[in-house]
Amino acid sequence: MERLEQVRSLLATIAPEIEEAEIVPEARIDDDLRLDQVSRFALGVGLERETKKTVPDRDICEAATLGDLMALFQADTD
């Protein structure tokens, strides 16, 4: 599954009020999607489970956009 589709699927559960069209790599996690810290971490943990890759909490907190967050979970072979 493409990473963006994984994010959309996770956010459909975590924050169903966010329209799918708003879930794009350029979307700012705090300002555009209005995710709080709990939702941000839920998304991070979901991506960790799906990718089987662990990312430091600090890096998840520092990601400004969905694209930044998705880049943290790119496999070494991607």
PDB file of N, CA and C in Angstrom:
ATOM      1  N   MET A   1       0.859  -1.184   0.000  1.00  0.00           N
ATOM      2  CA  MET A   1       0.000   0.000   0.000  1.00  0.00           C
ATOM      3  C   MET A   1       0.897   1.237   0.000  1.00  0.00           C
ATOM      4  N   GLU A   2       0.558   2.181  -0.826  1.00  0.00           N
ATOM      5  CA  GLU A   2       1.316   3.431  -0.882  1.00  0.00           C
ATOM      6  C   GLU A   2       1.219   4.145   0.464  1.00  0.00           C
ATOM      7  N   ARG A   3       2.300   4.794   0.867  1.00  0.00           N
ATOM      8  CA  ARG A   3       2.364   5.437   2.177  1.00  0.00           C
ATOM      9  C   ARG A   3       1.215   6.440   2.381  1.00  0.00           C
ATOM     10  N   LEU A   4       0.906   7.255   1.385  1.00  0.00           N
ATOM     11  CA  LEU A   4      -0.178   8.225   1.531  1.00  0.00           C
ATOM     12  C   LEU A   4      -1.507   7.515   1.781  1.00  0.00           C
ATOM     13  N   GLU A   5      -1.720   6.395   1.128  1.00  0.00           N
ATOM     14  CA  GLU A   5      -2.954   5.636   1.357  1.00  0.00           C
ATOM     15  C   GLU A   5      -2.986   5.072   2.771  1.00  0.00           C
ATOM     16  N   GLN A   6      -1.827   4.676   3.296  1.00  0.00           N
ATOM     17  CA  GLN A   6      -1.751   4.217   4.680  1.00  0.00           C
ATOM     18  C   GLN A   6      -2.140   5.350   5.629  1.00  0.00           C
ATOM     19  N   VAL A   7      -1.613   6.542   5.366  1.00  0.00           N
ATOM     20  CA  VAL A   7      -1.929   7.704   6.203  1.00  0.00           C
ATOM     21  C   VAL A   7      -3.420   8.013   6.127  1.00  0.00           C
ATOM     22  N   ARG A   8      -3.984   7.992   4.944  1.00  0.00           N
ATOM     23  CA  ARG A   8      -5.429   8.267   4.795  1.00  0.00           C
ATOM     24  C   ARG A   8      -6.260   7.245   5.555  1.00  0.00           C
ATOM     25  N   SER A   9      -5.876   5.993   5.468  1.00  0.00           N
ATOM     26  CA  SER A   9      -6.604   4.937   6.169  1.00  0.00           C
ATOM     27  C   SER A   9      -6.519   5.128   7.682  1.00  0.00           C
ATOM     28  N   LEU A  10      -5.335   5.426   8.181  1.00  0.00           N
ATOM     29  CA  LEU A  10      -5.165   5.653   9.616  1.00  0.00           C
ATOM     30  C   LEU A  10      -5.948   6.878  10.083  1.00  0.00           C
ATOM     31  N   LEU A  11      -5.882   7.962   9.315  1.00  0.00           N
ATOM     32  CA  LEU A  11      -6.582   9.180   9.718  1.00  0.00           C
ATOM     33  C   LEU A  11      -8.098   9.034   9.640  1.00  0.00           C
ATOM     34  N   ALA A  12      -8.578   8.136   8.794  1.00  0.00           N
ATOM     35  CA  ALA A  12     -10.026   7.898   8.731  1.00  0.00           C
ATOM     36  C   ALA A  12     -10.536   7.380  10.076  1.00  0.00           C
ATOM     37  N   THR A  13      -9.681   6.690  10.807  1.00  0.00           N
ATOM     38  CA  THR A  13     -10.032   6.178  12.130  1.00  0.00           C
ATOM     39  C   THR A  13      -9.701   7.183  13.229  1.00  0.00           C
ATOM     40  N   ILE A  14      -8.516   7.788  13.139  1.00  0.00           N
ATOM     41  CA  ILE A  14      -8.034   8.702  14.183  1.00  0.00           C
ATOM     42  C   ILE A  14      -8.791  10.032  14.177  1.00  0.00           C
ATOM     43  N   ALA A  15      -9.009  10.574  12.992  1.00  0.00           N
ATOM     44  CA  ALA A  15      -9.642  11.895  12.853  1.00  0.00           C
ATOM     45  C   ALA A  15     -10.602  11.870  11.661  1.00  0.00           C
ATOM     46  N   PRO A  16     -11.734  11.187  11.815  1.00  0.00           N
ATOM     47  CA  PRO A  16     -12.663  11.030  10.684  1.00  0.00           C
ATOM     48  C   PRO A  16     -13.241  12.338  10.153  1.00  0.00           C
ATOM     49  N   GLU A  17     -13.095  13.409  10.922  1.00  0.00           N
ATOM     50  CA  GLU A  17     -13.616  14.707  10.471  1.00  0.00           C
ATOM     51  C   GLU A  17     -12.761  15.327   9.360  1.00  0.00           C
ATOM     52  N   ILE A  18     -11.558  14.818   9.153  1.00  0.00           N
ATOM     53  CA  ILE A  18     -10.685  15.359   8.110  1.00  0.00           C
ATOM     54  C   ILE A  18     -11.084  14.756   6.766  1.00  0.00           C
ATOM     55  N   GLU A  19     -11.358  15.621   5.821  1.00  0.00           N
ATOM     56  CA  GLU A  19     -11.733  15.176   4.478  1.00  0.00           C
ATOM     57  C   GLU A  19     -10.536  14.528   3.788  1.00  0.00           C
ATOM     58  N   GLU A  20     -10.775  13.475   3.029  1.00  0.00           N
ATOM     59  CA  GLU A  20      -9.694  12.774   2.336  1.00  0.00           C
ATOM     60  C   GLU A  20      -8.902  13.715   1.434  1.00  0.00           C
ATOM     61  N   ALA A  21      -9.574  14.670   0.804  1.00  0.00           N
ATOM     62  CA  ALA A  21      -8.898  15.614  -0.093  1.00  0.00           C
ATOM     63  C   ALA A  21      -7.893  16.501   0.646  1.00  0.00           C
ATOM     64  N   GLU A  22      -8.066  16.658   1.949  1.00  0.00           N
ATOM     65  CA  GLU A  22      -7.140  17.465   2.750  1.00  0.00           C
ATOM     66  C   GLU A  22      -5.872  16.695   3.116  1.00  0.00           C
ATOM     67  N   ILE A  23      -5.896  15.384   2.965  1.00  0.00           N
ATOM     68  CA  ILE A  23      -4.775  14.535   3.384  1.00  0.00           C
ATOM     69  C   ILE A  23      -3.809  14.396   2.219  1.00  0.00           C
ATOM     70  N   VAL A  24      -2.916  15.363   2.142  1.00  0.00           N
ATOM     71  CA  VAL A  24      -1.909  15.434   1.078  1.00  0.00           C
ATOM     72  C   VAL A  24      -0.545  15.656   1.732  1.00  0.00           C
ATOM     73  N   PRO A  25       0.544  15.295   1.056  1.00  0.00           N
ATOM     74  CA  PRO A  25       1.870  15.446   1.665  1.00  0.00           C
ATOM     75  C   PRO A  25       2.182  16.861   2.152  1.00  0.00           C
ATOM     76  N   GLU A  26       1.636  17.869   1.487  1.00  0.00           N
ATOM     77  CA  GLU A  26       1.920  19.265   1.847  1.00  0.00           C
ATOM     78  C   GLU A  26       1.137  19.751   3.052  1.00  0.00           C
ATOM     79  N   ALA A  27       0.162  18.970   3.506  1.00  0.00           N
ATOM     80  CA  ALA A  27      -0.691  19.396   4.623  1.00  0.00           C
ATOM     81  C   ALA A  27       0.127  19.530   5.899  1.00  0.00           C
ATOM     82  N   ARG A  28       0.003  20.684   6.544  1.00  0.00           N
ATOM     83  CA  ARG A  28       0.685  20.915   7.821  1.00  0.00           C
ATOM     84  C   ARG A  28      -0.107  20.211   8.923  1.00  0.00           C
ATOM     85  N   ILE A  29       0.590  19.401   9.685  1.00  0.00           N
ATOM     86  CA  ILE A  29      -0.064  18.547  10.676  1.00  0.00           C
ATOM     87  C   ILE A  29      -0.836  19.372  11.709  1.00  0.00           C
ATOM     88  N   ASP A  30      -0.237  20.435  12.215  1.00  0.00           N
ATOM     89  CA  ASP A  30      -0.894  21.247  13.238  1.00  0.00           C
ATOM     90  C   ASP A  30      -1.897  22.233  12.643  1.00  0.00           C
ATOM     91  N   ASP A  31      -1.478  22.982  11.645  1.00  0.00           N
ATOM     92  CA  ASP A  31      -2.299  24.087  11.136  1.00  0.00           C
ATOM     93  C   ASP A  31      -3.402  23.641  10.181  1.00  0.00           C
ATOM     94  N   ASP A  32      -3.080  22.768   9.227  1.00  0.00           N
ATOM     95  CA  ASP A  32      -4.081  22.369   8.239  1.00  0.00           C
ATOM     96  C   ASP A  32      -4.983  21.240   8.746  1.00  0.00           C
ATOM     97  N   LEU A  33      -4.373  20.220   9.333  1.00  0.00           N
ATOM     98  CA  LEU A  33      -5.147  19.060   9.782  1.00  0.00           C
ATOM     99  C   LEU A  33      -5.628  19.185  11.216  1.00  0.00           C
ATOM    100  N   ARG A  34      -5.032  20.124  11.962  1.00  0.00           N
ATOM    101  CA  ARG A  34      -5.423  20.394  13.343  1.00  0.00           C
ATOM    102  C   ARG A  34      -5.362  19.145  14.231  1.00  0.00           C
ATOM    103  N   LEU A  35      -4.300  18.339  14.033  1.00  0.00           N
ATOM    104  CA  LEU A  35      -4.114  17.168  14.886  1.00  0.00           C
ATOM    105  C   LEU A  35      -3.463  17.590  16.198  1.00  0.00           C
ATOM    106  N   ASP A  36      -3.997  17.100  17.300  1.00  0.00           N
ATOM    107  CA  ASP A  36      -3.356  17.353  18.584  1.00  0.00           C
ATOM    108  C   ASP A  36      -2.239  16.326  18.785  1.00  0.00           C
ATOM    109  N   GLN A  37      -1.515  16.426  19.881  1.00  0.00           N
ATOM    110  CA  GLN A  37      -0.372  15.540  20.116  1.00  0.00           C
ATOM    111  C   GLN A  37      -0.789  14.071  20.204  1.00  0.00           C
ATOM    112  N   VAL A  38      -1.934  13.802  20.802  1.00  0.00           N
ATOM    113  CA  VAL A  38      -2.401  12.416  20.926  1.00  0.00           C
ATOM    114  C   VAL A  38      -2.680  11.833  19.545  1.00  0.00           C
ATOM    115  N   SER A  39      -3.348  12.593  18.696  1.00  0.00           N
ATOM    116  CA  SER A  39      -3.656  12.124  17.345  1.00  0.00           C
ATOM    117  C   SER A  39      -2.388  11.976  16.514  1.00  0.00           C
ATOM    118  N   ARG A  40      -1.459  12.897  16.686  1.00  0.00           N
ATOM    119  CA  ARG A  40      -0.177  12.824  15.971  1.00  0.00           C
ATOM    120  C   ARG A  40       0.549  11.529  16.346  1.00  0.00           C
ATOM    121  N   PHE A  41       0.578  11.214  17.658  1.00  0.00           N
ATOM    122  CA  PHE A  41       1.255   9.991  18.088  1.00  0.00           C
ATOM    123  C   PHE A  41       0.500   8.745  17.647  1.00  0.00           C
ATOM    124  N   ALA A  42      -0.820   8.804  17.634  1.00  0.00           N
ATOM    125  CA  ALA A  42      -1.600   7.666  17.141  1.00  0.00           C
ATOM    126  C   ALA A  42      -1.262   7.401  15.679  1.00  0.00           C
ATOM    127  N   LEU A  43      -1.109   8.450  14.902  1.00  0.00           N
ATOM    128  CA  LEU A  43      -0.725   8.305  13.502  1.00  0.00           C
ATOM    129  C   LEU A  43       0.683   7.724  13.397  1.00  0.00           C
ATOM    130  N   GLY A  44       1.602   8.240  14.204  1.00  0.00           N
ATOM    131  CA  GLY A  44       2.970   7.736  14.205  1.00  0.00           C
ATOM    132  C   GLY A  44       3.036   6.261  14.581  1.00  0.00           C
ATOM    133  N   VAL A  45       2.308   5.875  15.620  1.00  0.00           N
ATOM    134  CA  VAL A  45       2.302   4.470  16.060  1.00  0.00           C
ATOM    135  C   VAL A  45       1.678   3.595  14.982  1.00  0.00           C
ATOM    136  N   GLY A  46       0.623   4.082  14.356  1.00  0.00           N
ATOM    137  CA  GLY A  46       0.004   3.321  13.267  1.00  0.00           C
ATOM    138  C   GLY A  46       0.974   3.091  12.121  1.00  0.00           C
ATOM    139  N   LEU A  47       1.731   4.121  11.777  1.00  0.00           N
ATOM    140  CA  LEU A  47       2.723   3.976  10.708  1.00  0.00           C
ATOM    141  C   LEU A  47       3.853   3.043  11.134  1.00  0.00           C
ATOM    142  N   GLU A  48       4.226   3.105  12.405  1.00  0.00           N
ATOM    143  CA  GLU A  48       5.253   2.177  12.894  1.00  0.00           C
ATOM    144  C   GLU A  48       4.786   0.734  12.740  1.00  0.00           C
ATOM    145  N   ARG A  49       3.539   0.484  13.084  1.00  0.00           N
ATOM    146  CA  ARG A  49       2.996  -0.878  12.963  1.00  0.00           C
ATOM    147  C   ARG A  49       2.953  -1.329  11.505  1.00  0.00           C
ATOM    148  N   GLU A  50       2.493  -0.448  10.645  1.00  0.00           N
ATOM    149  CA  GLU A  50       2.343  -0.820   9.230  1.00  0.00           C
ATOM    150  C   GLU A  50       3.674  -1.003   8.529  1.00  0.00           C
ATOM    151  N   THR A  51       4.659  -0.195   8.904  1.00  0.00           N
ATOM    152  CA  THR A  51       5.953  -0.262   8.221  1.00  0.00           C
ATOM    153  C   THR A  51       6.961  -1.133   8.953  1.00  0.00           C
ATOM    154  N   LYS A  52       6.619  -1.503  10.193  1.00  0.00           N
ATOM    155  CA  LYS A  52       7.545  -2.276  11.041  1.00  0.00           C
ATOM    156  C   LYS A  52       8.876  -1.545  11.241  1.00  0.00           C
ATOM    157  N   LYS A  53       8.777  -0.217  11.316  1.00  0.00           N
ATOM    158  CA  LYS A  53       9.943   0.625  11.531  1.00  0.00           C
ATOM    159  C   LYS A  53       9.671   1.528  12.733  1.00  0.00           C
ATOM    160  N   THR A  54      10.641   1.623  13.629  1.00  0.00           N
ATOM    161  CA  THR A  54      10.503   2.473  14.810  1.00  0.00           C
ATOM    162  C   THR A  54      11.158   3.822  14.535  1.00  0.00           C
ATOM    163  N   VAL A  55      10.430   4.880  14.885  1.00  0.00           N
ATOM    164  CA  VAL A  55      10.922   6.248  14.693  1.00  0.00           C
ATOM    165  C   VAL A  55      10.900   6.941  16.055  1.00  0.00           C
ATOM    166  N   PRO A  56      11.946   7.671  16.398  1.00  0.00           N
ATOM    167  CA  PRO A  56      11.955   8.379  17.692  1.00  0.00           C
ATOM    168  C   PRO A  56      10.765   9.344  17.823  1.00  0.00           C
ATOM    169  N   ASP A  57      10.193   9.378  19.030  1.00  0.00           N
ATOM    170  CA  ASP A  57       9.059  10.265  19.295  1.00  0.00           C
ATOM    171  C   ASP A  57       9.383  11.709  18.934  1.00  0.00           C
ATOM    172  N   ARG A  58      10.599  12.140  19.226  1.00  0.00           N
ATOM    173  CA  ARG A  58      10.996  13.525  18.932  1.00  0.00           C
ATOM    174  C   ARG A  58      10.855  13.826  17.439  1.00  0.00           C
ATOM    175  N   ASP A  59      11.237  12.863  16.593  1.00  0.00           N
ATOM    176  CA  ASP A  59      11.125  13.068  15.149  1.00  0.00           C
ATOM    177  C   ASP A  59       9.665  13.179  14.719  1.00  0.00           C
ATOM    178  N   ILE A  60       8.806  12.382  15.335  1.00  0.00           N
ATOM    179  CA  ILE A  60       7.372  12.464  15.030  1.00  0.00           C
ATOM    180  C   ILE A  60       6.844  13.841  15.433  1.00  0.00           C
ATOM    181  N   CYS A  61       7.273  14.343  16.594  1.00  0.00           N
ATOM    182  CA  CYS A  61       6.838  15.665  17.066  1.00  0.00           C
ATOM    183  C   CYS A  61       7.327  16.790  16.166  1.00  0.00           C
ATOM    184  N   GLU A  62       8.517  16.634  15.602  1.00  0.00           N
ATOM    185  CA  GLU A  62       9.121  17.705  14.807  1.00  0.00           C
ATOM    186  C   GLU A  62       8.637  17.730  13.358  1.00  0.00           C
ATOM    187  N   ALA A  63       7.970  16.691  12.902  1.00  0.00           N
ATOM    188  CA  ALA A  63       7.481  16.669  11.521  1.00  0.00           C
ATOM    189  C   ALA A  63       6.440  17.776  11.344  1.00  0.00           C
ATOM    190  N   ALA A  64       6.674  18.657  10.400  1.00  0.00           N
ATOM    191  CA  ALA A  64       5.756  19.778  10.179  1.00  0.00           C
ATOM    192  C   ALA A  64       4.604  19.411   9.253  1.00  0.00           C
ATOM    193  N   THR A  65       4.896  18.609   8.236  1.00  0.00           N
ATOM    194  CA  THR A  65       3.873  18.235   7.256  1.00  0.00           C
ATOM    195  C   THR A  65       3.702  16.719   7.220  1.00  0.00           C
ATOM    196  N   LEU A  66       2.633  16.281   6.580  1.00  0.00           N
ATOM    197  CA  LEU A  66       2.462  14.840   6.402  1.00  0.00           C
ATOM    198  C   LEU A  66       3.613  14.259   5.596  1.00  0.00           C
ATOM    199  N   GLY A  67       4.105  14.999   4.619  1.00  0.00           N
ATOM    200  CA  GLY A  67       5.235  14.542   3.829  1.00  0.00           C
ATOM    201  C   GLY A  67       6.465  14.320   4.688  1.00  0.00           C
ATOM    202  N   ASP A  68       6.705  15.230   5.630  1.00  0.00           N
ATOM    203  CA  ASP A  68       7.825  15.067   6.563  1.00  0.00           C
ATOM    204  C   ASP A  68       7.649  13.792   7.385  1.00  0.00           C
ATOM    205  N   LEU A  69       6.432  13.574   7.865  1.00  0.00           N
ATOM    206  CA  LEU A  69       6.147  12.402   8.681  1.00  0.00           C
ATOM    207  C   LEU A  69       6.299  11.123   7.858  1.00  0.00           C
ATOM    208  N   MET A  70       5.764  11.120   6.657  1.00  0.00           N
ATOM    209  CA  MET A  70       5.860   9.935   5.802  1.00  0.00           C
ATOM    210  C   MET A  70       7.311   9.615   5.472  1.00  0.00           C
ATOM    211  N   ALA A  71       8.135  10.630   5.293  1.00  0.00           N
ATOM    212  CA  ALA A  71       9.553  10.419   4.959  1.00  0.00           C
ATOM    213  C   ALA A  71      10.279   9.684   6.075  1.00  0.00           C
ATOM    214  N   LEU A  72       9.834   9.860   7.307  1.00  0.00           N
ATOM    215  CA  LEU A  72      10.457   9.176   8.436  1.00  0.00           C
ATOM    216  C   LEU A  72      10.272   7.664   8.352  1.00  0.00           C
ATOM    217  N   PHE A  73       9.239   7.241   7.647  1.00  0.00           N
ATOM    218  CA  PHE A  73       8.898   5.824   7.580  1.00  0.00           C
ATOM    219  C   PHE A  73       9.254   5.173   6.254  1.00  0.00           C
ATOM    220  N   GLN A  74      10.016   5.864   5.430  1.00  0.00           N
ATOM    221  CA  GLN A  74      10.436   5.256   4.179  1.00  0.00           C
ATOM    222  C   GLN A  74      11.399   4.115   4.476  1.00  0.00           C
ATOM    223  N   ALA A  75      11.181   3.002   3.829  1.00  0.00           N
ATOM    224  CA  ALA A  75      12.091   1.857   4.013  1.00  0.00           C
ATOM    225  C   ALA A  75      13.441   2.230   3.413  1.00  0.00           C
ATOM    226  N   ASP A  76      14.486   1.649   3.964  1.00  0.00           N
ATOM    227  CA  ASP A  76      15.833   1.918   3.466  1.00  0.00           C
ATOM    228  C   ASP A  76      15.988   1.570   1.994  1.00  0.00           C
ATOM    229  N   THR A  77      15.139   0.665   1.502  1.00  0.00           N
ATOM    230  CA  THR A  77      15.239   0.235   0.111  1.00  0.00           C
ATOM    231  C   THR A  77      14.318   1.017  -0.800  1.00  0.00           C
ATOM    232  N   ASP A  78      13.483   1.921  -0.247  1.00  0.00           N
ATOM    233  CA  ASP A  78      12.565   2.723  -1.094  1.00  0.00           C
ATOM    234  C   ASP A  78      13.330   3.700  -1.961  1.00  0.00           C
TER     235      ASP A  78
END
